[in-house]
Amino acid sequence: MNDNFTYDRSWVEIQEMLEQAEVEKNQQKMLIVNRKIPMSMKDKPMRTYKGLEGVCKTLRWVLGDKNMTRAEVLGRDNDGSSSNQERRV
């Protein structure tokens, strides 16, 4: 494949990364829904949240989560088309 990949991560390391990503994602969501923070200061937390959402989906798929489909990880609808519809945070 590629010499850049070592393939030496353990399942425990992957699970720990998922846990850390979910904690960070939840912290970002709390910033987004905090009414005391002006909307103009929520750009970065929103981008970070969406990125971590993708990280969590991917790690769940890698770990074999039965509820995580390849299409969902790739941001596609069930019919295989790309989803351009924004979801609420």
C-alpha atoms as a PDB file:
ATOM      1  CA  MET A   1       0.000   0.000   0.000  1.00  0.00           C
ATOM      2  CA  ASN A   2       1.990   2.969   1.271  1.00  0.00           C
ATOM      3  CA  ASP A   3       5.144   3.179   3.346  1.00  0.00           C
ATOM      4  CA  ASN A   4       3.597   5.967   5.432  1.00  0.00           C
ATOM      5  CA  PHE A   5       1.337   3.532   7.276  1.00  0.00           C
ATOM      6  CA  THR A   6       2.677   1.378  10.099  1.00  0.00           C
ATOM      7  CA  TYR A   7      -0.535  -0.544  10.881  1.00  0.00           C
ATOM      8  CA  ASP A   8       0.595  -0.890  14.485  1.00  0.00           C
ATOM      9  CA  ARG A   9      -2.311   0.744  16.310  1.00  0.00           C
ATOM     10  CA  SER A  10      -4.031  -1.452  18.849  1.00  0.00           C
ATOM     11  CA  TRP A  11      -7.799  -1.668  19.235  1.00  0.00           C
ATOM     12  CA  VAL A  12      -7.376  -0.077  22.654  1.00  0.00           C
ATOM     13  CA  GLU A  13      -5.597   2.929  21.112  1.00  0.00           C
ATOM     14  CA  ILE A  14      -8.363   3.325  18.542  1.00  0.00           C
ATOM     15  CA  GLN A  15     -11.068   3.085  21.239  1.00  0.00           C
ATOM     16  CA  GLU A  16      -9.233   5.650  23.374  1.00  0.00           C
ATOM     17  CA  MET A  17      -8.984   7.995  20.398  1.00  0.00           C
ATOM     18  CA  LEU A  18     -12.734   7.619  19.821  1.00  0.00           C
ATOM     19  CA  GLU A  19     -13.444   8.426  23.469  1.00  0.00           C
ATOM     20  CA  GLN A  20     -11.193  11.506  23.334  1.00  0.00           C
ATOM     21  CA  ALA A  21     -12.774  12.681  20.080  1.00  0.00           C
ATOM     22  CA  GLU A  22     -16.287  12.275  21.505  1.00  0.00           C
ATOM     23  CA  VAL A  23     -15.373  14.246  24.643  1.00  0.00           C
ATOM     24  CA  GLU A  24     -13.867  17.039  22.536  1.00  0.00           C
ATOM     25  CA  LYS A  25     -16.872  16.989  20.174  1.00  0.00           C
ATOM     26  CA  ASN A  26     -19.233  17.361  23.155  1.00  0.00           C
ATOM     27  CA  GLN A  27     -17.165  20.267  24.505  1.00  0.00           C
ATOM     28  CA  GLN A  28     -17.397  22.016  21.141  1.00  0.00           C
ATOM     29  CA  LYS A  29     -21.156  21.454  21.057  1.00  0.00           C
ATOM     30  CA  MET A  30     -21.485  23.057  24.484  1.00  0.00           C
ATOM     31  CA  LEU A  31     -19.716  26.153  23.133  1.00  0.00           C
ATOM     32  CA  ILE A  32     -22.030  26.227  20.109  1.00  0.00           C
ATOM     33  CA  VAL A  33     -25.239  26.050  22.145  1.00  0.00           C
ATOM     34  CA  ASN A  34     -24.033  28.495  24.816  1.00  0.00           C
ATOM     35  CA  ARG A  35     -26.251  31.548  24.394  1.00  0.00           C
ATOM     36  CA  LYS A  36     -23.748  33.774  26.196  1.00  0.00           C
ATOM     37  CA  ILE A  37     -21.236  33.358  23.368  1.00  0.00           C
ATOM     38  CA  PRO A  38     -21.967  35.606  20.374  1.00  0.00           C
ATOM     39  CA  MET A  39     -22.614  33.892  17.047  1.00  0.00           C
ATOM     40  CA  SER A  40     -19.585  35.642  15.556  1.00  0.00           C
ATOM     41  CA  MET A  41     -17.340  33.640  17.918  1.00  0.00           C
ATOM     42  CA  LYS A  42     -18.861  30.248  17.090  1.00  0.00           C
ATOM     43  CA  ASP A  43     -17.260  29.719  13.660  1.00  0.00           C
ATOM     44  CA  LYS A  44     -14.286  27.725  14.908  1.00  0.00           C
ATOM     45  CA  PRO A  45     -16.249  25.547  17.350  1.00  0.00           C
ATOM     46  CA  MET A  46     -18.736  24.729  14.574  1.00  0.00           C
ATOM     47  CA  ARG A  47     -15.983  23.716  12.134  1.00  0.00           C
ATOM     48  CA  THR A  48     -14.204  21.742  14.830  1.00  0.00           C
ATOM     49  CA  TYR A  49     -17.438  20.000  15.810  1.00  0.00           C
ATOM     50  CA  LYS A  50     -18.146  18.943  12.219  1.00  0.00           C
ATOM     51  CA  GLY A  51     -14.593  17.661  11.810  1.00  0.00           C
ATOM     52  CA  LEU A  52     -14.788  15.656  15.018  1.00  0.00           C
ATOM     53  CA  GLU A  53     -18.148  14.295  13.937  1.00  0.00           C
ATOM     54  CA  GLY A  54     -16.399  12.794  10.911  1.00  0.00           C
ATOM     55  CA  VAL A  55     -13.557  11.487  13.066  1.00  0.00           C
ATOM     56  CA  CYS A  56     -16.017   9.760  15.403  1.00  0.00           C
ATOM     57  CA  LYS A  57     -17.966   8.207  12.545  1.00  0.00           C
ATOM     58  CA  THR A  58     -14.786   6.920  10.940  1.00  0.00           C
ATOM     59  CA  LEU A  59     -13.395   5.456  14.157  1.00  0.00           C
ATOM     60  CA  ARG A  60     -16.732   3.804  14.908  1.00  0.00           C
ATOM     61  CA  TRP A  61     -16.690   2.262  11.421  1.00  0.00           C
ATOM     62  CA  VAL A  62     -13.093   1.058  11.920  1.00  0.00           C
ATOM     63  CA  LEU A  63     -14.070  -0.536  15.226  1.00  0.00           C
ATOM     64  CA  GLY A  64     -16.961  -2.335  13.539  1.00  0.00           C
ATOM     65  CA  ASP A  65     -19.933  -0.393  14.920  1.00  0.00           C
ATOM     66  CA  LYS A  66     -22.922  -2.230  13.450  1.00  0.00           C
ATOM     67  CA  ASN A  67     -24.890   1.030  13.260  1.00  0.00           C
ATOM     68  CA  MET A  68     -22.248   2.904  11.249  1.00  0.00           C
ATOM     69  CA  THR A  69     -22.500   2.371   7.521  1.00  0.00           C
ATOM     70  CA  ARG A  70     -19.857   3.128   4.930  1.00  0.00           C
ATOM     71  CA  ALA A  71     -22.327   5.531   3.285  1.00  0.00           C
ATOM     72  CA  GLU A  72     -22.760   7.466   6.534  1.00  0.00           C
ATOM     73  CA  VAL A  73     -19.001   7.743   7.008  1.00  0.00           C
ATOM     74  CA  LEU A  74     -18.661   9.062   3.460  1.00  0.00           C
ATOM     75  CA  GLY A  75     -21.519  11.540   3.952  1.00  0.00           C
ATOM     76  CA  ARG A  76     -23.844   9.854   1.509  1.00  0.00           C
ATOM     77  CA  ASP A  77     -27.542   9.169   1.657  1.00  0.00           C
ATOM     78  CA  ASN A  78     -28.802   5.589   1.612  1.00  0.00           C
ATOM     79  CA  ASP A  79     -29.160   5.769  -2.167  1.00  0.00           C
ATOM     80  CA  GLY A  80     -25.429   6.507  -2.544  1.00  0.00           C
ATOM     81  CA  SER A  81     -25.774  10.180  -3.445  1.00  0.00           C
ATOM     82  CA  SER A  82     -23.876  12.880  -1.609  1.00  0.00           C
ATOM     83  CA  SER A  83     -25.834  14.665   1.060  1.00  0.00           C
ATOM     84  CA  ASN A  84     -25.683  18.438   0.736  1.00  0.00           C
ATOM     85  CA  GLN A  85     -28.367  18.983   3.317  1.00  0.00           C
ATOM     86  CA  GLU A  86     -26.967  20.526   6.483  1.00  0.00           C
ATOM     87  CA  ARG A  87     -27.846  18.863   9.739  1.00  0.00           C
ATOM     88  CA  ARG A  88     -28.538  20.745  12.916  1.00  0.00           C
ATOM     89  CA  VAL A  89     -25.866  20.594  15.582  1.00  0.00           C
END
